[in-house]
Amino acid sequence: MKNIQPIGIFDSGVGGISVMSHIQCLLPNESLAYLADSLNAPYGIKSNEFITERSKAAINFLIKEQSAKLIVMACNTATASSINNLRQVFQVPIIGMEPAIKPATQATICKKVGVLATNGTLGSTKFSALLESYSGNIDFYTQPCPGLVELIEEGNINSSSTKNLIQKYLNPLIERKVDTVVLGCTHYIFIRKLIENIMGSKVKIIDTGLAVAKQVKHELDRFSLQNKLNNKNHLIFTNSENLKMETIIRSLITNPNFEYSYQGHWK
């Protein structure tokens, strides 16, 4: 029975849907239970204690209420803040996110890499250690992006407010002449085309969604948890008070064959 239980995925909001989409494409037989803590988004400006408590609440819900067999923390900030502690609390495998620094070091030619992320991710000791391990002859330029998550949560993907704000955050990276940009927040993947248009075709844009999906597959294989049947069921939970949230989520899921049930009552 355990093999048919869902993979639990959570984020501070809708950003992790980008990760969920990669997992669904790579593992089409698996059931997925996604949880968005949109009421408390963004995590990037919250304390480590608050993020840890919210992460515990999310994982508890996914394990106890949805019987999740594996957890994906589809949030860079929550991973950087809490994953080590959470792995000591829960028995199921927990997979986290981290900015794609290693792939960026392999992709850059001019040895200049920009990193877009939340204040919480950039200020974490986990990120500092990651950056230090790959520095050497590569210059990293970190750019916090306050306000961006909130706009994406509201579904303002192509609004002038979003375009103006991301232009503001990309200008320092353009001035530095970076040739690679790391998307260090899952929300930013939804404005990837906007970032590509501003940075130009010669600049590589890197995120970790597919890499995380591959890690999920590896862990399922490792613990023999693959669902080899075809009785999958996808659920999306949110505690958002935005009456348009279901419409926003639907607009972010681009796979027309992805069928799910929207559950807007998690607290």
Protein backbone atom coordinates (compact mmCIF):
# COMPACT_ATOMS: atom_id res chain seq x y z
CA MET A 1 0.00 0.00 0.00
CA LYS A 2 2.79 2.44 0.80
CA ASN A 3 3.94 2.62 -2.81
CA ILE A 4 0.65 4.13 -3.98
CA GLN A 5 0.78 6.86 -1.33
CA PRO A 6 1.47 10.36 -2.67
CA ILE A 7 4.61 12.44 -2.80
CA GLY A 8 4.06 15.45 -0.54
CA ILE A 9 5.26 18.82 -1.82
CA PHE A 10 5.07 22.17 -0.04
CA ASP A 11 6.16 25.75 -0.52
CA SER A 12 5.46 29.12 1.04
CA GLY A 13 3.07 29.65 -1.84
CA VAL A 14 2.53 28.77 -5.48
CA GLY A 15 6.21 28.78 -6.46
CA GLY A 16 6.67 25.07 -5.83
CA ILE A 17 4.09 24.29 -8.50
CA SER A 18 6.98 24.66 -10.94
CA VAL A 19 8.78 21.84 -9.11
CA MET A 20 5.60 19.78 -8.94
CA SER A 21 5.26 20.04 -12.72
CA HIS A 22 8.77 18.63 -13.22
CA ILE A 23 8.02 15.76 -10.83
CA GLN A 24 4.75 14.97 -12.57
CA CYS A 25 6.43 14.88 -16.00
CA LEU A 26 9.30 12.67 -14.83
CA LEU A 27 7.15 10.39 -12.63
CA PRO A 28 3.72 10.22 -14.30
CA ASN A 29 2.56 7.23 -12.20
CA GLU A 30 3.00 9.03 -8.88
CA SER A 31 0.22 10.70 -6.92
CA LEU A 32 1.06 14.21 -5.72
CA ALA A 33 -0.21 16.25 -2.78
CA TYR A 34 0.82 19.90 -3.01
CA LEU A 35 0.46 22.37 -0.17
CA ALA A 36 0.83 26.15 -0.51
CA ASP A 37 1.24 28.17 2.70
CA SER A 38 0.22 31.30 0.79
CA LEU A 39 -1.27 32.95 3.86
CA ASN A 40 2.27 33.29 5.23
CA ALA A 41 4.14 34.01 1.98
CA PRO A 42 6.80 35.13 1.49
CA TYR A 43 9.05 33.17 3.85
CA GLY A 44 12.04 35.25 2.78
CA ILE A 45 11.31 37.99 5.33
CA LYS A 46 10.34 35.66 8.20
CA SER A 47 12.47 34.40 11.10
CA ASN A 48 14.06 30.93 11.05
CA GLU A 49 11.86 29.93 13.99
CA PHE A 50 8.69 30.91 12.16
CA ILE A 51 9.74 29.13 8.95
CA THR A 52 10.63 25.97 10.87
CA GLU A 53 7.24 25.90 12.61
CA ARG A 54 5.36 26.43 9.36
CA SER A 55 7.44 23.73 7.67
CA LYS A 56 6.68 21.31 10.51
CA ALA A 57 2.96 22.08 10.21
CA ALA A 58 3.07 21.49 6.46
CA ILE A 59 4.94 18.20 6.73
CA ASN A 60 2.69 17.01 9.56
CA PHE A 61 -0.35 17.67 7.38
CA LEU A 62 1.14 15.90 4.36
CA ILE A 63 2.17 12.86 6.38
CA LYS A 64 -0.78 12.53 8.78
CA GLU A 65 -3.61 13.71 6.55
CA GLN A 66 -2.33 12.69 3.11
CA SER A 67 -0.07 9.74 4.05
CA ALA A 68 2.84 11.16 2.06
CA LYS A 69 5.65 8.64 1.54
CA LEU A 70 8.24 11.30 0.69
CA ILE A 71 8.41 15.07 1.21
CA VAL A 72 9.73 17.72 -1.17
CA MET A 73 10.47 21.11 0.39
CA ALA A 74 9.94 23.08 -2.82
CA CYS A 75 11.16 26.29 -1.20
CA ASN A 76 14.77 27.49 -1.14
CA THR A 77 14.23 29.63 1.95
CA ALA A 78 12.60 26.85 3.98
CA THR A 79 15.29 24.40 2.92
CA ALA A 80 18.10 26.74 3.91
CA SER A 81 16.43 27.54 7.21
CA SER A 82 15.06 24.22 8.41
CA ILE A 83 15.82 21.05 6.46
CA ASN A 84 18.53 19.73 8.77
CA ASN A 85 16.26 20.03 11.81
CA LEU A 86 13.26 18.58 10.01
CA ARG A 87 15.16 15.50 8.88
CA GLN A 88 15.77 14.74 12.54
CA VAL A 89 12.08 15.09 13.38
CA PHE A 90 10.43 13.10 10.56
CA GLN A 91 11.09 9.54 9.42
CA VAL A 92 10.16 9.89 5.74
CA PRO A 93 12.76 11.00 3.17
CA ILE A 94 12.86 14.80 2.81
CA ILE A 95 14.26 16.45 -0.32
CA GLY A 96 15.03 20.16 -0.35
CA MET A 97 15.91 22.93 -2.78
CA GLU A 98 19.07 24.93 -3.12
CA PRO A 99 20.13 27.51 -5.71
CA ALA A 100 21.83 25.92 -8.73
CA ILE A 101 25.29 27.24 -7.94
CA LYS A 102 27.18 24.16 -9.15
CA PRO A 103 25.46 24.04 -12.59
CA ALA A 104 26.06 27.80 -12.90
CA THR A 105 29.81 27.37 -12.36
CA GLN A 106 29.81 24.84 -15.20
CA ALA A 107 27.73 27.05 -17.49
CA THR A 108 29.48 30.41 -17.10
CA ILE A 109 32.17 31.38 -19.58
CA CYS A 110 33.08 34.83 -18.33
CA LYS A 111 33.14 33.58 -14.71
CA LYS A 112 30.44 36.02 -13.62
CA VAL A 113 27.21 34.60 -12.15
CA GLY A 114 24.18 36.44 -10.83
CA VAL A 115 21.92 34.90 -8.18
CA LEU A 116 18.33 36.06 -7.71
CA ALA A 117 16.83 34.94 -4.39
CA THR A 118 14.95 36.04 -1.29
CA ASN A 119 16.64 37.77 1.63
CA GLY A 120 16.07 34.64 3.69
CA THR A 121 17.94 32.39 1.27
CA LEU A 122 20.82 34.80 0.67
CA GLY A 123 21.26 35.45 4.39
CA SER A 124 21.33 31.80 5.43
CA THR A 125 24.46 30.01 6.60
CA LYS A 126 23.58 27.12 4.27
CA PHE A 127 23.70 29.40 1.24
CA SER A 128 26.88 31.11 2.41
CA ALA A 129 28.59 27.74 2.71
CA LEU A 130 27.31 26.71 -0.73
CA LEU A 131 28.60 29.90 -2.32
CA GLU A 132 31.97 29.65 -0.61
CA SER A 133 32.48 26.08 -1.80
CA TYR A 134 32.13 27.14 -5.44
CA SER A 135 33.68 30.60 -5.41
CA GLY A 136 37.38 30.40 -6.31
CA ASN A 137 37.86 32.03 -9.70
CA ILE A 138 34.15 32.79 -10.20
CA ASP A 139 32.50 36.03 -9.13
CA PHE A 140 28.99 35.65 -7.72
CA TYR A 141 26.69 38.66 -7.56
CA THR A 142 23.71 38.08 -5.27
CA GLN A 143 20.55 40.08 -5.73
CA PRO A 144 17.70 39.99 -3.19
CA CYS A 145 14.29 40.51 -4.75
CA PRO A 146 11.83 41.78 -2.10
CA GLY A 147 8.28 42.18 -3.35
CA LEU A 148 8.62 39.80 -6.29
CA VAL A 149 7.11 36.75 -4.60
CA GLU A 150 4.08 38.77 -3.53
CA LEU A 151 3.39 39.88 -7.12
CA ILE A 152 3.68 36.32 -8.44
CA GLU A 153 1.40 35.03 -5.65
CA GLU A 154 -1.22 37.48 -6.88
CA GLY A 155 -0.91 36.14 -10.42
CA ASN A 156 0.76 39.31 -11.73
CA ILE A 157 3.16 37.45 -14.00
CA ASN A 158 3.16 39.93 -16.88
CA SER A 159 2.06 43.11 -15.11
CA SER A 160 3.97 46.36 -15.49
CA SER A 161 4.68 46.26 -11.74
CA THR A 162 6.42 42.90 -12.09
CA LYS A 163 8.32 43.99 -15.21
CA ASN A 164 9.52 47.18 -13.55
CA LEU A 165 10.58 45.41 -10.37
CA ILE A 166 12.53 42.62 -12.08
CA GLN A 167 14.17 45.20 -14.36
CA LYS A 168 15.33 47.01 -11.22
CA TYR A 169 16.80 43.81 -9.79
CA LEU A 170 18.43 42.73 -13.04
CA ASN A 171 20.09 46.10 -13.77
CA PRO A 172 23.00 45.47 -11.32
CA LEU A 173 23.61 42.08 -12.95
CA ILE A 174 23.56 43.64 -16.41
CA GLU A 175 26.07 46.24 -15.25
CA ARG A 176 28.30 43.43 -13.95
CA LYS A 177 28.05 41.71 -17.35
CA VAL A 178 27.09 38.32 -15.91
CA ASP A 179 26.53 35.56 -18.47
CA THR A 180 24.61 33.24 -16.15
CA VAL A 181 21.69 33.90 -13.81
CA VAL A 182 20.53 31.48 -11.12
CA LEU A 183 16.86 31.54 -10.15
CA GLY A 184 17.17 30.94 -6.41
CA CYS A 185 13.43 30.94 -5.66
CA THR A 186 10.85 28.61 -7.18
CA HIS A 187 8.45 31.52 -7.72
CA TYR A 188 10.88 33.17 -10.14
CA ILE A 189 10.58 30.32 -12.63
CA PHE A 190 7.15 31.66 -13.60
CA ILE A 191 8.73 34.91 -14.83
CA ARG A 192 11.63 33.16 -16.55
CA LYS A 193 10.62 34.41 -20.01
CA LEU A 194 10.47 37.95 -18.69
CA ILE A 195 13.97 37.58 -17.25
CA GLU A 196 15.23 36.06 -20.52
CA ASN A 197 13.80 38.97 -22.51
CA ILE A 198 15.56 41.50 -20.30
CA MET A 199 18.90 39.67 -20.04
CA GLY A 200 19.09 38.65 -23.69
CA SER A 201 19.58 35.32 -25.43
CA LYS A 202 23.29 35.05 -24.61
CA VAL A 203 22.69 34.87 -20.85
CA LYS A 204 21.95 31.42 -19.44
CA ILE A 205 19.08 31.14 -16.94
CA ILE A 206 19.32 28.19 -14.52
CA ASP A 207 16.88 26.70 -12.02
CA THR A 208 16.81 23.41 -10.09
CA GLY A 209 13.31 22.07 -10.75
CA LEU A 210 14.35 19.19 -13.00
CA ALA A 211 17.31 18.31 -10.78
CA VAL A 212 14.98 18.01 -7.78
CA ALA A 213 12.59 15.81 -9.76
CA LYS A 214 15.52 13.52 -10.63
CA GLN A 215 16.48 13.40 -6.96
CA VAL A 216 12.91 12.40 -6.08
CA LYS A 217 13.13 9.55 -8.60
CA HIS A 218 16.47 8.49 -7.11
CA GLU A 219 15.02 8.39 -3.59
CA LEU A 220 11.94 6.45 -4.70
CA ASP A 221 14.21 3.90 -6.37
CA ARG A 222 16.51 3.79 -3.35
CA PHE A 223 13.70 3.00 -0.91
CA SER A 224 11.63 0.94 -3.39
CA LEU A 225 8.72 3.37 -3.14
CA GLN A 226 7.81 3.67 -6.83
CA ASN A 227 4.13 3.48 -7.67
CA LYS A 228 3.95 0.92 -10.47
CA LEU A 229 0.19 1.04 -10.70
CA ASN A 230 -1.85 3.63 -12.59
CA ASN A 231 -4.24 4.75 -9.85
CA LYS A 232 -2.81 8.21 -9.25
CA ASN A 233 -4.56 11.16 -7.64
CA HIS A 234 -3.33 14.77 -7.49
CA LEU A 235 -4.44 17.25 -4.82
CA ILE A 236 -3.53 20.92 -4.33
CA PHE A 237 -4.14 22.56 -0.95
CA THR A 238 -3.81 26.22 -0.05
CA ASN A 239 -4.72 28.48 2.85
CA SER A 240 -4.84 31.58 0.70
CA GLU A 241 -7.62 34.09 1.32
CA ASN A 242 -7.40 35.23 -2.30
CA LEU A 243 -10.67 34.23 -3.98
CA LYS A 244 -8.84 34.06 -7.32
CA MET A 245 -6.20 31.58 -6.11
CA GLU A 246 -7.71 28.59 -7.90
CA THR A 247 -7.62 30.55 -11.17
CA ILE A 248 -4.04 31.65 -10.51
CA ILE A 249 -2.92 28.08 -9.85
CA ARG A 250 -4.67 26.86 -12.97
CA SER A 251 -2.81 29.47 -15.02
CA LEU A 252 0.54 28.26 -13.65
CA ILE A 253 -0.02 24.61 -14.58
CA THR A 254 0.74 24.48 -18.28
CA ASN A 255 0.38 20.74 -18.83
CA PRO A 256 -3.16 20.24 -20.21
CA ASN A 257 -3.07 16.55 -19.22
CA PHE A 258 -2.40 17.28 -15.55
CA GLU A 259 -5.67 16.60 -13.74
CA TYR A 260 -5.95 17.62 -10.11
CA SER A 261 -8.44 18.49 -7.41
CA TYR A 262 -8.14 21.94 -5.85
CA GLN A 263 -8.58 21.94 -2.07
CA GLY A 264 -8.62 25.45 -0.62
CA HIS A 265 -9.08 24.74 3.05
CA TRP A 266 -5.70 23.94 4.63
CA LYS A 267 -4.80 26.06 7.69
